Amino acid sequence: MIEEIKHYKESVHINLLLRQIFFLILTFVLLVISIVNVFQEKVGGVLAASGFGLSTAIGLCMSRMFKIFWHTKKEKVVAHLDMVGVILLIVYVGLEISRKWLFEHWLSGAALNAFGLIVVTGLLLGRFLGTTIQINQAITENVIE
């Protein structure tokens, strides 16, 4: 297990590794806050679960913003923003900006804020998972070659 972690750290560019660590910590903190909001009944459990699930799926798609590949000269996994990534980034920013407007048709007050936080948490988790999958694929492809 320790060898796998060491290999992972050696194989991934530091900026990409730090981004993943940041996403993981932030997702964990927001998830705890979101769970507290559900237990305090600021938002219903079914609504929270469905919003979290849907936003996680969207986050998985949005993880495609960065093209993740093995850089032969650096001998590490790196991430670059390509044209498809730029388009996805614009859509992602648009969704984030209009999120409150979209949901305030159905929710208001504390429920709107709690649901918005749950959606952000799902998006972050989806991006984290999607990026992790891409990193693992790039490392696996490099080991096979």
N, C-alpha and C. Protein backbone atom coordinates (compact mmCIF):
# COMPACT_ATOMS: atom_id res chain seq x y z
N MET A 1 0.82 -1.19 0.00
CA MET A 1 0.00 0.00 0.00
C MET A 1 0.86 1.26 0.00
N ILE A 2 1.88 1.29 0.85
CA ILE A 2 2.76 2.45 0.93
C ILE A 2 3.54 2.62 -0.37
N GLU A 3 3.95 1.51 -0.98
CA GLU A 3 4.66 1.57 -2.25
C GLU A 3 3.77 2.15 -3.35
N GLU A 4 2.48 1.79 -3.34
CA GLU A 4 1.55 2.31 -4.34
C GLU A 4 1.38 3.81 -4.19
N ILE A 5 1.28 4.28 -2.96
CA ILE A 5 1.14 5.72 -2.71
C ILE A 5 2.41 6.45 -3.14
N LYS A 6 3.56 5.87 -2.84
CA LYS A 6 4.84 6.47 -3.23
C LYS A 6 4.94 6.55 -4.75
N HIS A 7 4.57 5.47 -5.44
CA HIS A 7 4.59 5.45 -6.90
C HIS A 7 3.63 6.50 -7.46
N TYR A 8 2.45 6.62 -6.85
CA TYR A 8 1.44 7.59 -7.29
C TYR A 8 2.00 9.01 -7.16
N LYS A 9 2.61 9.32 -6.01
CA LYS A 9 3.17 10.65 -5.78
C LYS A 9 4.31 10.96 -6.75
N GLU A 10 5.11 9.95 -7.07
CA GLU A 10 6.22 10.15 -8.00
C GLU A 10 5.75 10.28 -9.44
N SER A 11 4.59 9.72 -9.76
CA SER A 11 4.10 9.68 -11.13
C SER A 11 3.23 10.86 -11.51
N VAL A 12 2.76 11.63 -10.55
CA VAL A 12 1.82 12.71 -10.83
C VAL A 12 2.51 14.05 -10.57
N HIS A 13 2.32 14.99 -11.51
CA HIS A 13 2.90 16.32 -11.37
C HIS A 13 2.37 16.96 -10.09
N ILE A 14 3.22 17.72 -9.40
CA ILE A 14 2.89 18.26 -8.09
C ILE A 14 1.65 19.15 -8.13
N ASN A 15 1.49 19.97 -9.19
CA ASN A 15 0.31 20.84 -9.27
C ASN A 15 -0.98 20.03 -9.34
N LEU A 16 -0.95 18.96 -10.12
CA LEU A 16 -2.13 18.10 -10.25
C LEU A 16 -2.40 17.37 -8.93
N LEU A 17 -1.36 16.93 -8.28
CA LEU A 17 -1.50 16.24 -6.99
C LEU A 17 -2.07 17.18 -5.93
N LEU A 18 -1.57 18.40 -5.88
CA LEU A 18 -2.08 19.38 -4.91
C LEU A 18 -3.53 19.74 -5.20
N ARG A 19 -3.90 19.84 -6.48
CA ARG A 19 -5.28 20.11 -6.84
C ARG A 19 -6.19 19.00 -6.35
N GLN A 20 -5.76 17.75 -6.50
CA GLN A 20 -6.55 16.61 -6.04
C GLN A 20 -6.69 16.60 -4.52
N ILE A 21 -5.62 16.90 -3.82
CA ILE A 21 -5.67 16.96 -2.36
C ILE A 21 -6.62 18.07 -1.91
N PHE A 22 -6.54 19.22 -2.56
CA PHE A 22 -7.43 20.34 -2.24
C PHE A 22 -8.89 19.96 -2.47
N PHE A 23 -9.19 19.35 -3.62
CA PHE A 23 -10.56 18.92 -3.91
C PHE A 23 -11.05 17.92 -2.88
N LEU A 24 -10.20 16.99 -2.47
CA LEU A 24 -10.59 15.98 -1.50
C LEU A 24 -10.92 16.60 -0.14
N ILE A 25 -10.07 17.48 0.33
CA ILE A 25 -10.29 18.13 1.63
C ILE A 25 -11.54 19.00 1.58
N LEU A 26 -11.67 19.82 0.53
CA LEU A 26 -12.82 20.70 0.41
C LEU A 26 -14.12 19.91 0.27
N THR A 27 -14.09 18.84 -0.49
CA THR A 27 -15.28 17.99 -0.64
C THR A 27 -15.68 17.38 0.70
N PHE A 28 -14.71 16.91 1.46
CA PHE A 28 -15.01 16.32 2.77
C PHE A 28 -15.65 17.34 3.70
N VAL A 29 -15.09 18.54 3.77
CA VAL A 29 -15.63 19.59 4.65
C VAL A 29 -17.05 19.95 4.22
N LEU A 30 -17.25 20.16 2.92
CA LEU A 30 -18.58 20.52 2.43
C LEU A 30 -19.58 19.39 2.62
N LEU A 31 -19.12 18.14 2.50
CA LEU A 31 -20.01 17.00 2.71
C LEU A 31 -20.48 16.94 4.16
N VAL A 32 -19.59 17.19 5.10
CA VAL A 32 -19.98 17.21 6.51
C VAL A 32 -21.00 18.32 6.77
N ILE A 33 -20.76 19.50 6.21
CA ILE A 33 -21.70 20.61 6.38
C ILE A 33 -23.04 20.27 5.75
N SER A 34 -23.02 19.64 4.58
CA SER A 34 -24.26 19.26 3.90
C SER A 34 -25.05 18.23 4.70
N ILE A 35 -24.36 17.28 5.28
CA ILE A 35 -25.04 16.26 6.11
C ILE A 35 -25.67 16.91 7.33
N VAL A 36 -24.95 17.85 7.94
CA VAL A 36 -25.51 18.59 9.08
C VAL A 36 -26.77 19.34 8.65
N ASN A 37 -26.75 19.95 7.48
CA ASN A 37 -27.93 20.67 6.98
C ASN A 37 -29.12 19.74 6.79
N VAL A 38 -28.86 18.52 6.34
CA VAL A 38 -29.96 17.55 6.17
C VAL A 38 -30.50 17.16 7.54
N PHE A 39 -29.63 16.89 8.51
CA PHE A 39 -30.09 16.51 9.85
C PHE A 39 -30.81 17.66 10.56
N GLN A 40 -30.45 18.88 10.23
CA GLN A 40 -31.15 20.04 10.80
C GLN A 40 -32.42 20.35 10.02
N GLU A 41 -32.72 19.54 9.03
CA GLU A 41 -33.93 19.64 8.21
C GLU A 41 -34.05 20.96 7.46
N LYS A 42 -32.90 21.50 7.05
CA LYS A 42 -32.92 22.69 6.20
C LYS A 42 -33.29 22.30 4.78
N VAL A 43 -33.01 21.05 4.43
CA VAL A 43 -33.37 20.52 3.12
C VAL A 43 -33.73 19.04 3.32
N GLY A 44 -34.69 18.55 2.53
CA GLY A 44 -35.13 17.17 2.65
C GLY A 44 -34.06 16.18 2.21
N GLY A 45 -34.10 15.00 2.82
CA GLY A 45 -33.11 13.97 2.51
C GLY A 45 -33.17 13.49 1.06
N VAL A 46 -34.38 13.29 0.53
CA VAL A 46 -34.53 12.82 -0.85
C VAL A 46 -34.03 13.88 -1.82
N LEU A 47 -34.40 15.13 -1.58
CA LEU A 47 -33.95 16.23 -2.43
C LEU A 47 -32.42 16.36 -2.37
N ALA A 48 -31.87 16.25 -1.18
CA ALA A 48 -30.43 16.36 -1.01
C ALA A 48 -29.71 15.22 -1.73
N ALA A 49 -30.21 14.00 -1.57
CA ALA A 49 -29.58 12.84 -2.22
C ALA A 49 -29.68 12.93 -3.73
N SER A 50 -30.83 13.35 -4.24
CA SER A 50 -30.97 13.44 -5.69
C SER A 50 -30.10 14.56 -6.26
N GLY A 51 -30.05 15.70 -5.56
CA GLY A 51 -29.20 16.79 -6.01
C GLY A 51 -27.73 16.42 -5.96
N PHE A 52 -27.35 15.72 -4.91
CA PHE A 52 -25.96 15.29 -4.76
C PHE A 52 -25.58 14.28 -5.85
N GLY A 53 -26.47 13.32 -6.10
CA GLY A 53 -26.19 12.32 -7.12
C GLY A 53 -26.10 12.92 -8.51
N LEU A 54 -27.04 13.77 -8.86
CA LEU A 54 -27.04 14.39 -10.18
C LEU A 54 -25.83 15.30 -10.36
N SER A 55 -25.52 16.09 -9.34
CA SER A 55 -24.37 16.99 -9.47
C SER A 55 -23.05 16.23 -9.49
N THR A 56 -22.99 15.08 -8.81
CA THR A 56 -21.78 14.25 -8.89
C THR A 56 -21.59 13.72 -10.31
N ALA A 57 -22.68 13.29 -10.94
CA ALA A 57 -22.62 12.83 -12.33
C ALA A 57 -22.18 13.96 -13.26
N ILE A 58 -22.70 15.15 -13.04
CA ILE A 58 -22.29 16.31 -13.85
C ILE A 58 -20.82 16.62 -13.60
N GLY A 59 -20.39 16.53 -12.36
CA GLY A 59 -18.98 16.76 -12.02
C GLY A 59 -18.05 15.76 -12.70
N LEU A 60 -18.50 14.50 -12.80
CA LEU A 60 -17.71 13.50 -13.53
C LEU A 60 -17.52 13.92 -14.98
N CYS A 61 -18.59 14.42 -15.60
CA CYS A 61 -18.48 14.90 -16.98
C CYS A 61 -17.58 16.13 -17.06
N MET A 62 -17.69 17.00 -16.07
CA MET A 62 -16.90 18.23 -16.08
C MET A 62 -15.42 17.98 -15.79
N SER A 63 -15.09 16.83 -15.26
CA SER A 63 -13.68 16.52 -15.02
C SER A 63 -12.92 16.42 -16.34
N ARG A 64 -13.64 16.35 -17.43
CA ARG A 64 -13.05 16.30 -18.76
C ARG A 64 -12.47 17.66 -19.17
N MET A 65 -12.68 18.68 -18.34
CA MET A 65 -12.16 20.01 -18.65
C MET A 65 -10.65 19.98 -18.92
N PHE A 66 -9.98 19.16 -18.16
CA PHE A 66 -8.53 19.06 -18.31
C PHE A 66 -8.17 17.75 -18.98
N LYS A 67 -7.32 17.85 -20.00
CA LYS A 67 -6.81 16.64 -20.64
C LYS A 67 -5.64 16.15 -19.80
N ILE A 68 -5.77 14.95 -19.27
CA ILE A 68 -4.76 14.38 -18.38
C ILE A 68 -4.02 13.29 -19.14
N PHE A 69 -2.71 13.39 -19.19
CA PHE A 69 -1.91 12.44 -19.96
C PHE A 69 -0.52 12.31 -19.37
N TRP A 70 0.20 11.28 -19.84
CA TRP A 70 1.57 11.04 -19.41
C TRP A 70 2.50 11.89 -20.26
N HIS A 71 3.29 12.75 -19.61
CA HIS A 71 4.25 13.60 -20.30
C HIS A 71 5.58 12.85 -20.33
N THR A 72 6.03 12.47 -21.53
CA THR A 72 7.22 11.61 -21.63
C THR A 72 8.49 12.30 -21.16
N LYS A 73 8.63 13.60 -21.41
CA LYS A 73 9.85 14.29 -20.98
C LYS A 73 9.90 14.48 -19.47
N LYS A 74 8.76 14.82 -18.88
CA LYS A 74 8.71 15.02 -17.43
C LYS A 74 8.56 13.69 -16.70
N GLU A 75 8.14 12.66 -17.43
CA GLU A 75 7.87 11.34 -16.87
C GLU A 75 6.89 11.43 -15.70
N LYS A 76 5.85 12.21 -15.91
CA LYS A 76 4.80 12.39 -14.92
C LYS A 76 3.47 12.57 -15.64
N VAL A 77 2.39 12.37 -14.87
CA VAL A 77 1.06 12.66 -15.37
C VAL A 77 0.83 14.16 -15.20
N VAL A 78 0.41 14.82 -16.29
CA VAL A 78 0.15 16.26 -16.25
C VAL A 78 -1.25 16.53 -16.78
N ALA A 79 -1.73 17.76 -16.58
CA ALA A 79 -3.05 18.16 -17.04
C ALA A 79 -2.94 19.47 -17.81
N HIS A 80 -3.63 19.52 -18.95
CA HIS A 80 -3.68 20.73 -19.75
C HIS A 80 -5.11 20.98 -20.17
N LEU A 81 -5.44 22.26 -20.31
CA LEU A 81 -6.76 22.66 -20.76
C LEU A 81 -6.73 22.70 -22.28
N ASP A 82 -7.59 21.90 -22.95
CA ASP A 82 -7.67 21.94 -24.40
C ASP A 82 -8.96 22.65 -24.82
N MET A 83 -9.27 22.69 -26.13
CA MET A 83 -10.43 23.43 -26.61
C MET A 83 -11.74 22.88 -26.04
N VAL A 84 -11.89 21.56 -25.99
CA VAL A 84 -13.09 20.98 -25.39
C VAL A 84 -13.16 21.36 -23.91
N GLY A 85 -12.03 21.39 -23.26
CA GLY A 85 -11.97 21.78 -21.85
C GLY A 85 -12.38 23.23 -21.65
N VAL A 86 -11.98 24.10 -22.57
CA VAL A 86 -12.37 25.51 -22.48
C VAL A 86 -13.88 25.65 -22.59
N ILE A 87 -14.48 24.92 -23.53
CA ILE A 87 -15.94 24.96 -23.71
C ILE A 87 -16.63 24.43 -22.46
N LEU A 88 -16.16 23.32 -21.92
CA LEU A 88 -16.74 22.77 -20.70
C LEU A 88 -16.57 23.73 -19.52
N LEU A 89 -15.43 24.40 -19.46
CA LEU A 89 -15.19 25.37 -18.38
C LEU A 89 -16.19 26.52 -18.46
N ILE A 90 -16.46 27.00 -19.66
CA ILE A 90 -17.44 28.08 -19.84
C ILE A 90 -18.84 27.62 -19.41
N VAL A 91 -19.22 26.39 -19.81
CA VAL A 91 -20.52 25.84 -19.40
C VAL A 91 -20.56 25.69 -17.88
N TYR A 92 -19.48 25.20 -17.29
CA TYR A 92 -19.40 24.99 -15.84
C TYR A 92 -19.56 26.32 -15.10
N VAL A 93 -18.86 27.34 -15.54
CA VAL A 93 -18.96 28.65 -14.90
C VAL A 93 -20.38 29.20 -15.06
N GLY A 94 -20.96 29.00 -16.22
CA GLY A 94 -22.34 29.43 -16.45
C GLY A 94 -23.32 28.75 -15.50
N LEU A 95 -23.13 27.44 -15.30
CA LEU A 95 -23.97 26.71 -14.35
C LEU A 95 -23.80 27.23 -12.93
N GLU A 96 -22.57 27.49 -12.55
CA GLU A 96 -22.31 27.98 -11.19
C GLU A 96 -22.93 29.36 -10.98
N ILE A 97 -22.84 30.22 -11.98
CA ILE A 97 -23.40 31.57 -11.86
C ILE A 97 -24.92 31.52 -11.79
N SER A 98 -25.54 30.66 -12.61
CA SER A 98 -27.00 30.62 -12.68
C SER A 98 -27.63 29.62 -11.71
N ARG A 99 -26.80 28.94 -10.91
CA ARG A 99 -27.30 27.91 -9.99
C ARG A 99 -28.41 28.44 -9.08
N LYS A 100 -28.18 29.58 -8.47
CA LYS A 100 -29.17 30.11 -7.53
C LYS A 100 -30.46 30.48 -8.28
N TRP A 101 -30.32 31.10 -9.45
CA TRP A 101 -31.49 31.47 -10.24
C TRP A 101 -32.29 30.24 -10.66
N LEU A 102 -31.58 29.16 -11.05
CA LEU A 102 -32.25 27.93 -11.48
C LEU A 102 -33.06 27.31 -10.35
N PHE A 103 -32.50 27.26 -9.17
CA PHE A 103 -33.13 26.54 -8.06
C PHE A 103 -34.11 27.39 -7.25
N GLU A 104 -34.04 28.72 -7.37
CA GLU A 104 -34.94 29.52 -6.54
C GLU A 104 -36.38 29.48 -7.04
N HIS A 105 -36.61 28.85 -8.17
CA HIS A 105 -37.99 28.62 -8.62
C HIS A 105 -38.70 27.61 -7.72
N TRP A 106 -37.95 26.71 -7.10
CA TRP A 106 -38.51 25.64 -6.28
C TRP A 106 -38.18 25.76 -4.80
N LEU A 107 -37.08 26.42 -4.48
CA LEU A 107 -36.61 26.51 -3.10
C LEU A 107 -36.38 27.96 -2.72
N SER A 108 -36.38 28.23 -1.43
CA SER A 108 -36.08 29.58 -0.97
C SER A 108 -35.41 29.53 0.40
N GLY A 109 -34.78 30.61 0.76
CA GLY A 109 -34.18 30.75 2.08
C GLY A 109 -33.09 29.73 2.38
N ALA A 110 -33.18 29.15 3.58
CA ALA A 110 -32.16 28.21 4.06
C ALA A 110 -32.12 26.95 3.20
N ALA A 111 -33.28 26.51 2.69
CA ALA A 111 -33.31 25.31 1.84
C ALA A 111 -32.54 25.54 0.55
N LEU A 112 -32.67 26.74 -0.03
CA LEU A 112 -31.94 27.07 -1.25
C LEU A 112 -30.44 27.07 -1.00
N ASN A 113 -30.02 27.67 0.10
CA ASN A 113 -28.58 27.70 0.43
C ASN A 113 -28.05 26.30 0.71
N ALA A 114 -28.79 25.50 1.46
CA ALA A 114 -28.35 24.15 1.77
C ALA A 114 -28.28 23.29 0.51
N PHE A 115 -29.30 23.41 -0.35
CA PHE A 115 -29.30 22.63 -1.59
C PHE A 115 -28.16 23.08 -2.51
N GLY A 116 -27.93 24.39 -2.59
CA GLY A 116 -26.81 24.90 -3.39
C GLY A 116 -25.48 24.35 -2.93
N LEU A 117 -25.31 24.26 -1.61
CA LEU A 117 -24.08 23.70 -1.05
C LEU A 117 -23.94 22.22 -1.39
N ILE A 118 -25.06 21.51 -1.36
CA ILE A 118 -25.04 20.08 -1.71
C ILE A 118 -24.66 19.90 -3.18
N VAL A 119 -25.18 20.75 -4.04
CA VAL A 119 -24.85 20.67 -5.47
C VAL A 119 -23.37 20.94 -5.69
N VAL A 120 -22.83 21.96 -5.04
CA VAL A 120 -21.40 22.27 -5.17
C VAL A 120 -20.56 21.09 -4.67
N THR A 121 -20.97 20.48 -3.57
CA THR A 121 -20.25 19.34 -3.02
C THR A 121 -20.24 18.18 -4.02
N GLY A 122 -21.38 17.90 -4.63
CA GLY A 122 -21.45 16.84 -5.63
C GLY A 122 -20.59 17.14 -6.84
N LEU A 123 -20.60 18.39 -7.30
CA LEU A 123 -19.76 18.77 -8.44
C LEU A 123 -18.28 18.57 -8.12
N LEU A 124 -17.87 18.99 -6.93
CA LEU A 124 -16.47 18.81 -6.53
C LEU A 124 -16.10 17.33 -6.43
N LEU A 125 -17.00 16.54 -5.84
CA LEU A 125 -16.72 15.11 -5.73
C LEU A 125 -16.62 14.47 -7.11
N GLY A 126 -17.51 14.84 -8.00
CA GLY A 126 -17.47 14.31 -9.36
C GLY A 126 -16.19 14.68 -10.08
N ARG A 127 -15.77 15.93 -9.95
CA ARG A 127 -14.50 16.35 -10.58
C ARG A 127 -13.33 15.60 -9.97
N PHE A 128 -13.34 15.42 -8.65
CA PHE A 128 -12.27 14.68 -7.99
C PHE A 128 -12.21 13.24 -8.50
N LEU A 129 -13.36 12.57 -8.52
CA LEU A 129 -13.40 11.18 -8.97
C LEU A 129 -13.01 11.04 -10.44
N GLY A 130 -13.54 11.91 -11.28
CA GLY A 130 -13.22 11.85 -12.70
C GLY A 130 -11.75 12.08 -12.98
N THR A 131 -11.18 13.06 -12.29
CA THR A 131 -9.75 13.34 -12.46
C THR A 131 -8.90 12.18 -11.94
N THR A 132 -9.30 11.59 -10.83
CA THR A 132 -8.58 10.44 -10.29
C THR A 132 -8.61 9.27 -11.27
N ILE A 133 -9.75 9.03 -11.87
CA ILE A 133 -9.88 7.95 -12.87
C ILE A 133 -8.94 8.22 -14.04
N GLN A 134 -8.91 9.47 -14.53
CA GLN A 134 -8.03 9.81 -15.65
C GLN A 134 -6.56 9.68 -15.28
N ILE A 135 -6.20 10.07 -14.08
CA ILE A 135 -4.81 9.94 -13.63
C ILE A 135 -4.42 8.46 -13.58
N ASN A 136 -5.29 7.63 -12.99
CA ASN A 136 -5.00 6.20 -12.90
C ASN A 136 -4.89 5.57 -14.28
N GLN A 137 -5.72 6.00 -15.24
CA GLN A 137 -5.62 5.48 -16.60
C GLN A 137 -4.29 5.87 -17.24
N ALA A 138 -3.87 7.12 -17.03
CA ALA A 138 -2.60 7.57 -17.61
C ALA A 138 -1.43 6.81 -17.01
N ILE A 139 -1.45 6.56 -15.71
CA ILE A 139 -0.38 5.81 -15.06
C ILE A 139 -0.38 4.37 -15.56
N THR A 140 -1.56 3.76 -15.64
CA THR A 140 -1.66 2.37 -16.11
C THR A 140 -1.18 2.23 -17.54
N GLU A 141 -1.56 3.15 -18.41
CA GLU A 141 -1.11 3.11 -19.80
C GLU A 141 0.39 3.25 -19.91
N ASN A 142 1.01 4.06 -19.06
CA ASN A 142 2.45 4.24 -19.08
C ASN A 142 3.16 2.97 -18.60
N VAL A 143 2.61 2.30 -17.60
CA VAL A 143 3.23 1.09 -17.07
C VAL A 143 3.18 -0.02 -18.10
N ILE A 144 2.07 -0.09 -18.85
CA ILE A 144 1.90 -1.15 -19.86
C ILE A 144 2.86 -0.96 -21.02
N GLU A 145 3.09 0.31 -21.43
CA GLU A 145 3.94 0.58 -22.60
C GLU A 145 5.37 0.29 -22.34
